[in-house]
């Protein structure tokens, strides 16, 4: 049986040497602002893992920019900025949002791509009224709960260099799309697209969101660790954000700690674990880079797809 792997595999000590003197342009206070609920990430983690990663991305952005210039020259057309698009995938509660915000901040401090924007695919969920009508409220986050056509239209406009593109905004407080609000993306150098579904494919479609990506990440961890992080996050939110009367989950604030843990475990086993196995985990092998986390949230191994 062949032992071939499509990835170069690095442990943390080997990966951190690839930083190659990339400067740290991030303070402790800035890092604190980027962290999500119950997520532990240190400046040392940034230096060891994310500075080498941003160096790799920077080199690939430069190469992409040169390739586009050469193509426009061949076509005898004036050069046009084509945004470099990065997709970040992985399970609920695995830390995608923190990593997306961190990469946005780090990448924006490179001279050749200072304009870095970030969106999440949550904004392309159908609104709750439609999900209720379709009987999909308990399937939120599954492929059928997204307006895939709207996502493809959005990402194709970005890749075409449209000067201003609007994306819907999702409120985790209200657990719904905000109909009167839009996020305006203004022809960035780099666009980061974060979401559990960004690497998914559907055999009934001919175009996928990932077709527009120049680079993709999958954030990976042991399922038991992710489940524990999900439960811890739920319990923290129950004592903080859920206490806001406007929160969709306000009803859970009266639960005892034991009951809150049981409810979180139920949500995990009946919804999130199923989505992970059926739709998210199968996309892991499509990523350019896999960041494999340990139980303390720190990245232990990096898998870099071979050319």
Protein backbone atom coordinates (compact mmCIF):
# COMPACT_ATOMS: atom_id res chain seq x y z
CA UNK A 1 0.00 0.00 0.00
CA UNK A 2 1.40 3.42 -0.95
CA UNK A 3 2.56 5.68 1.88
CA UNK A 4 2.34 8.78 -0.30
CA UNK A 5 0.83 11.86 1.35
CA UNK A 6 -0.29 14.92 -0.62
CA UNK A 7 1.03 17.07 2.24
CA UNK A 8 4.38 18.11 3.66
CA UNK A 9 3.96 17.54 7.41
CA UNK A 10 5.64 19.84 9.91
CA UNK A 11 5.71 19.66 13.67
CA UNK A 12 5.65 23.01 15.41
CA UNK A 13 9.43 23.20 15.92
CA UNK A 14 10.12 22.65 12.23
CA UNK A 15 7.36 24.96 11.05
CA UNK A 16 8.44 27.92 13.19
CA UNK A 17 11.87 27.98 11.49
CA UNK A 18 10.11 28.99 8.26
CA UNK A 19 9.29 32.39 9.77
CA UNK A 20 12.66 33.51 8.33
CA UNK A 21 12.82 36.75 10.34
CA UNK A 22 9.30 37.87 9.42
CA UNK A 23 8.72 40.77 11.83
CA UNK A 24 5.99 40.65 14.47
CA UNK A 25 3.68 43.60 13.87
CA UNK A 26 1.13 42.83 16.57
CA UNK A 27 0.92 43.86 20.21
CA UNK A 28 -0.41 41.86 23.16
CA UNK A 29 -3.37 44.24 23.50
CA UNK A 30 -4.25 43.88 19.80
CA UNK A 31 -4.12 40.10 20.15
CA UNK A 32 -6.49 40.21 23.12
CA UNK A 33 -9.04 42.10 21.02
CA UNK A 34 -8.86 39.46 18.28
CA UNK A 35 -9.54 36.47 20.51
CA UNK A 36 -12.89 34.70 20.52
CA UNK A 37 -14.77 33.31 23.52
CA UNK A 38 -12.67 30.83 25.54
CA UNK A 39 -9.90 30.80 22.95
CA UNK A 40 -6.34 30.78 24.21
CA UNK A 41 -3.74 32.14 21.80
CA UNK A 42 -0.44 33.73 22.79
CA UNK A 43 2.11 35.96 21.11
CA UNK A 44 4.42 32.91 21.06
CA UNK A 45 1.72 31.05 19.08
CA UNK A 46 1.58 33.96 16.63
CA UNK A 47 5.35 33.90 16.22
CA UNK A 48 5.65 30.12 15.86
CA UNK A 49 2.63 29.39 13.68
CA UNK A 50 1.04 32.44 12.09
CA UNK A 51 4.09 34.47 11.07
CA UNK A 52 5.43 31.58 8.93
CA UNK A 53 1.92 31.17 7.53
CA UNK A 54 1.63 34.86 6.61
CA UNK A 55 5.08 34.71 5.01
CA UNK A 56 3.90 31.80 2.86
CA UNK A 57 0.71 33.62 1.90
CA UNK A 58 2.63 36.81 1.13
CA UNK A 59 4.93 34.94 -1.24
CA UNK A 60 1.94 33.36 -2.95
CA UNK A 61 0.14 36.71 -3.24
CA UNK A 62 3.22 38.22 -4.88
CA UNK A 63 3.38 35.31 -7.33
CA UNK A 64 -0.35 35.64 -8.06
CA UNK A 65 -0.01 39.36 -8.71
CA UNK A 66 2.84 38.73 -11.17
CA UNK A 67 0.86 35.98 -12.91
CA UNK A 68 -2.12 38.29 -13.41
CA UNK A 69 0.15 41.01 -14.81
CA UNK A 70 1.65 38.51 -17.26
CA UNK A 71 -1.80 37.31 -18.32
CA UNK A 72 -3.10 40.84 -18.91
CA UNK A 73 0.08 41.59 -20.88
CA UNK A 74 -0.46 38.51 -23.04
CA UNK A 75 -4.06 39.57 -23.70
CA UNK A 76 -2.85 43.09 -24.50
CA UNK A 77 -5.15 44.46 -21.81
CA UNK A 78 -4.42 47.09 -19.16
CA UNK A 79 -3.50 45.49 -15.80
CA UNK A 80 -6.36 45.22 -13.30
CA UNK A 81 -6.24 44.34 -9.62
CA UNK A 82 -7.60 40.86 -8.97
CA UNK A 83 -8.27 40.19 -5.27
CA UNK A 84 -6.50 37.21 -3.73
CA UNK A 85 -9.10 35.09 -1.93
CA UNK A 86 -8.42 32.89 1.10
CA UNK A 87 -10.96 30.38 2.45
CA UNK A 88 -10.91 29.22 6.08
CA UNK A 89 -12.93 26.11 6.96
CA UNK A 90 -13.42 23.86 9.98
CA UNK A 91 -15.93 22.83 12.61
CA UNK A 92 -18.05 25.02 14.81
CA UNK A 93 -16.03 26.09 17.91
CA UNK A 94 -12.64 25.15 16.42
CA UNK A 95 -11.41 28.76 16.36
CA UNK A 96 -11.91 29.78 12.72
CA UNK A 97 -13.10 33.29 13.52
CA UNK A 98 -10.13 34.15 15.73
CA UNK A 99 -7.69 32.82 13.15
CA UNK A 100 -9.46 34.74 10.38
CA UNK A 101 -9.26 38.00 12.34
CA UNK A 102 -5.63 37.35 13.22
CA UNK A 103 -4.66 36.67 9.62
CA UNK A 104 -6.56 39.74 8.46
CA UNK A 105 -4.56 41.89 10.88
CA UNK A 106 -1.18 40.31 10.13
CA UNK A 107 -1.60 40.26 6.35
CA UNK A 108 -2.75 43.89 6.25
CA UNK A 109 0.66 44.92 7.59
CA UNK A 110 2.54 43.72 4.53
CA UNK A 111 3.36 46.53 2.10
CA UNK A 112 2.11 44.84 -1.09
CA UNK A 113 -1.37 43.95 0.21
CA UNK A 114 -2.47 46.41 2.91
CA UNK A 115 -6.19 46.24 2.11
CA UNK A 116 -7.45 42.97 3.63
CA UNK A 117 -11.14 42.36 4.23
CA UNK A 118 -12.98 39.54 5.98
CA UNK A 119 -16.45 38.07 5.60
CA UNK A 120 -18.17 35.04 7.10
CA UNK A 121 -20.52 32.78 5.19
CA UNK A 122 -23.06 33.09 8.03
CA UNK A 123 -24.43 36.08 6.14
CA UNK A 124 -25.48 33.77 3.31
CA UNK A 125 -27.71 31.61 5.48
CA UNK A 126 -31.37 31.84 4.59
CA UNK A 127 -33.20 34.02 7.08
CA UNK A 128 -35.13 32.33 9.86
CA UNK A 129 -38.49 32.86 8.17
CA UNK A 130 -37.33 30.90 5.13
CA UNK A 131 -35.65 28.25 7.28
CA UNK A 132 -38.88 27.84 9.27
CA UNK A 133 -40.86 27.55 6.06
CA UNK A 134 -38.45 24.90 4.74
CA UNK A 135 -38.34 23.06 8.08
CA UNK A 136 -34.60 23.70 8.36
CA UNK A 137 -34.20 25.59 11.65
CA UNK A 138 -32.52 22.55 13.21
CA UNK A 139 -30.34 22.23 10.09
CA UNK A 140 -28.84 25.71 10.26
CA UNK A 141 -25.24 25.38 9.11
CA UNK A 142 -25.95 22.35 6.91
CA UNK A 143 -25.45 22.88 3.14
CA UNK A 144 -29.17 23.23 2.40
CA UNK A 145 -29.50 26.16 4.85
CA UNK A 146 -27.35 28.46 2.68
CA UNK A 147 -28.31 30.55 -0.32
CA UNK A 148 -25.56 29.04 -2.46
CA UNK A 149 -26.48 31.03 -5.56
CA UNK A 150 -26.09 34.30 -3.67
CA UNK A 151 -22.71 33.17 -2.31
CA UNK A 152 -21.43 32.29 -5.78
CA UNK A 153 -22.67 35.59 -7.23
CA UNK A 154 -20.91 37.48 -4.44
CA UNK A 155 -17.57 35.70 -4.73
CA UNK A 156 -17.56 35.89 -8.54
CA UNK A 157 -18.12 39.67 -8.37
CA UNK A 158 -15.16 39.94 -5.97
CA UNK A 159 -12.92 37.88 -8.26
CA UNK A 160 -13.99 39.95 -11.26
CA UNK A 161 -12.62 43.04 -9.50
CA UNK A 162 -15.94 44.78 -8.93
CA UNK A 163 -15.23 47.98 -7.04
CA UNK A 164 -17.98 47.56 -4.45
CA UNK A 165 -19.73 44.35 -3.51
CA UNK A 166 -22.33 43.91 -0.78
CA UNK A 167 -22.62 40.91 1.54
CA UNK A 168 -25.49 40.20 3.95
CA UNK A 169 -24.80 40.45 7.69
CA UNK A 170 -25.71 37.77 10.23
CA UNK A 171 -26.33 38.57 13.90
CA UNK A 172 -25.32 35.88 16.38
CA UNK A 173 -27.25 37.81 19.01
CA UNK A 174 -30.51 37.67 17.06
CA UNK A 175 -29.56 34.37 15.38
CA UNK A 176 -30.79 35.76 12.06
CA UNK A 177 -29.90 37.85 9.02
CA UNK A 178 -30.12 41.62 9.56
CA UNK A 179 -32.28 42.66 6.59
CA UNK A 180 -31.42 46.36 6.71
CA UNK A 181 -27.66 45.96 7.02
CA UNK A 182 -24.95 45.09 4.48
CA UNK A 183 -21.20 44.68 4.57
CA UNK A 184 -19.57 46.56 1.71
CA UNK A 185 -16.40 45.03 0.28
CA UNK A 186 -14.35 47.54 -1.71
CA UNK A 187 -12.04 45.72 -4.14
CA UNK A 188 -9.53 44.49 -1.53
CA UNK A 189 -6.03 43.18 -2.12
CA UNK A 190 -6.99 40.09 -0.11
CA UNK A 191 -10.41 38.80 0.91
CA UNK A 192 -10.66 36.19 3.68
CA UNK A 193 -13.83 34.08 3.58
CA UNK A 194 -14.47 32.17 6.81
CA UNK A 195 -17.12 29.52 7.31
CA UNK A 196 -17.80 25.87 7.98
CA UNK A 197 -18.99 25.40 4.39
CA UNK A 198 -16.38 27.17 2.28
CA UNK A 199 -14.71 24.00 0.95
CA UNK A 200 -17.89 22.00 0.45
CA UNK A 201 -18.99 20.78 -2.97
CA UNK A 202 -22.40 19.68 -4.18
CA UNK A 203 -22.66 17.12 -6.97
CA UNK A 204 -25.70 19.00 -8.28
CA UNK A 205 -23.68 22.21 -8.78
CA UNK A 206 -21.14 22.97 -11.49
CA UNK A 207 -19.49 25.93 -9.73
CA UNK A 208 -18.32 25.90 -6.11
CA UNK A 209 -17.24 28.69 -3.82
CA UNK A 210 -13.80 27.11 -3.50
CA UNK A 211 -13.30 27.46 -7.28
CA UNK A 212 -12.60 31.14 -6.60
CA UNK A 213 -10.07 30.58 -3.79
CA UNK A 214 -6.35 31.14 -4.29
CA UNK A 215 -5.50 29.59 -0.94
CA UNK A 216 -7.41 27.63 1.69
CA UNK A 217 -7.01 26.62 5.32
CA UNK A 218 -8.72 23.90 7.32
CA UNK A 219 -8.62 24.21 11.11
CA UNK A 220 -8.52 20.72 12.56
CA UNK A 221 -8.61 19.16 16.03
CA UNK A 222 -9.65 15.98 17.79
CA UNK A 223 -13.45 15.79 17.84
CA UNK A 224 -13.56 15.32 21.62
CA UNK A 225 -11.57 18.53 22.05
CA UNK A 226 -13.88 20.45 19.71
CA UNK A 227 -16.92 19.14 21.59
CA UNK A 228 -15.39 20.30 24.88
CA UNK A 229 -14.63 23.74 23.42
CA UNK A 230 -18.21 23.97 22.17
CA UNK A 231 -19.63 23.11 25.61
CA UNK A 232 -17.31 25.58 27.35
CA UNK A 233 -18.26 28.32 24.90
CA UNK A 234 -21.97 27.65 25.34
CA UNK A 235 -21.64 27.83 29.13
CA UNK A 236 -19.64 31.05 28.94
CA UNK A 237 -22.19 32.65 26.60
CA UNK A 238 -25.02 31.48 28.86
CA UNK A 239 -23.53 33.65 31.60
CA UNK A 240 -22.73 36.61 29.32
CA UNK A 241 -24.23 37.28 25.86
CA UNK A 242 -27.33 35.13 26.40
CA UNK A 243 -28.34 37.39 29.30
CA UNK A 244 -29.16 40.13 26.81
CA UNK A 245 -32.98 40.03 26.45
CA UNK A 246 -32.53 40.50 22.68
CA UNK A 247 -30.55 37.26 22.45
CA UNK A 248 -32.25 34.38 20.63
CA UNK A 249 -30.80 32.11 23.34
CA UNK A 250 -31.97 34.23 26.28
CA UNK A 251 -34.29 31.36 27.29
CA UNK A 252 -31.28 29.31 28.40
CA UNK A 253 -29.99 31.78 30.99
CA UNK A 254 -32.16 30.24 33.73
CA UNK A 255 -30.58 26.81 33.32
CA UNK A 256 -28.34 25.45 36.05
CA UNK A 257 -24.72 24.78 35.08
CA UNK A 258 -25.43 21.05 34.89
CA UNK A 259 -28.49 21.62 32.68
CA UNK A 260 -26.57 24.05 30.46
CA UNK A 261 -23.86 21.44 29.90
CA UNK A 262 -26.47 18.81 29.05
CA UNK A 263 -28.18 21.15 26.59
CA UNK A 264 -24.85 22.00 24.93
CA UNK A 265 -24.02 18.30 24.66
CA UNK A 266 -27.41 17.71 23.05
CA UNK A 267 -26.85 20.49 20.51
CA UNK A 268 -23.44 19.03 19.74
CA UNK A 269 -24.54 15.42 19.28
CA UNK A 270 -27.81 16.11 17.43
CA UNK A 271 -26.63 18.92 15.13
CA UNK A 272 -22.96 19.90 15.10
CA UNK A 273 -21.35 16.45 15.28
CA UNK A 274 -23.57 15.24 12.45
CA UNK A 275 -22.71 18.25 10.29
CA UNK A 276 -19.02 17.77 11.08
CA UNK A 277 -19.01 14.14 9.93
CA UNK A 278 -21.31 14.52 6.94
CA UNK A 279 -20.26 17.86 5.47
CA UNK A 280 -17.24 19.52 7.09
CA UNK A 281 -14.62 16.87 7.85
CA UNK A 282 -14.80 15.40 4.32
CA UNK A 283 -13.53 18.76 2.96
CA UNK A 284 -10.33 18.71 5.05
CA UNK A 285 -8.26 17.09 2.30
CA UNK A 286 -9.15 19.86 -0.15
CA UNK A 287 -7.29 22.54 1.84
CA UNK A 288 -3.87 23.92 0.92
CA UNK A 289 -2.91 24.05 4.59
CA UNK A 290 -4.30 22.14 7.57
CA UNK A 291 -3.61 23.53 11.05
CA UNK A 292 -3.94 20.71 13.57
CA UNK A 293 -4.67 21.90 17.11
CA UNK A 294 -4.09 20.18 20.43
CA UNK A 295 -6.42 20.16 23.43
CA UNK A 296 -5.12 23.57 24.62
CA UNK A 297 -5.98 25.22 21.25
CA UNK A 298 -2.31 25.50 20.26
CA UNK A 299 -1.30 24.31 16.79
CA UNK A 300 0.83 21.15 17.01
CA UNK A 301 1.20 20.19 13.34
CA UNK A 302 0.96 21.99 10.02
CA UNK A 303 0.13 20.15 6.79
CA UNK A 304 1.17 21.99 3.62
CA UNK A 305 -0.16 20.60 0.34
CA UNK A 306 2.54 19.59 -2.12
CA UNK A 307 2.66 21.31 -5.51
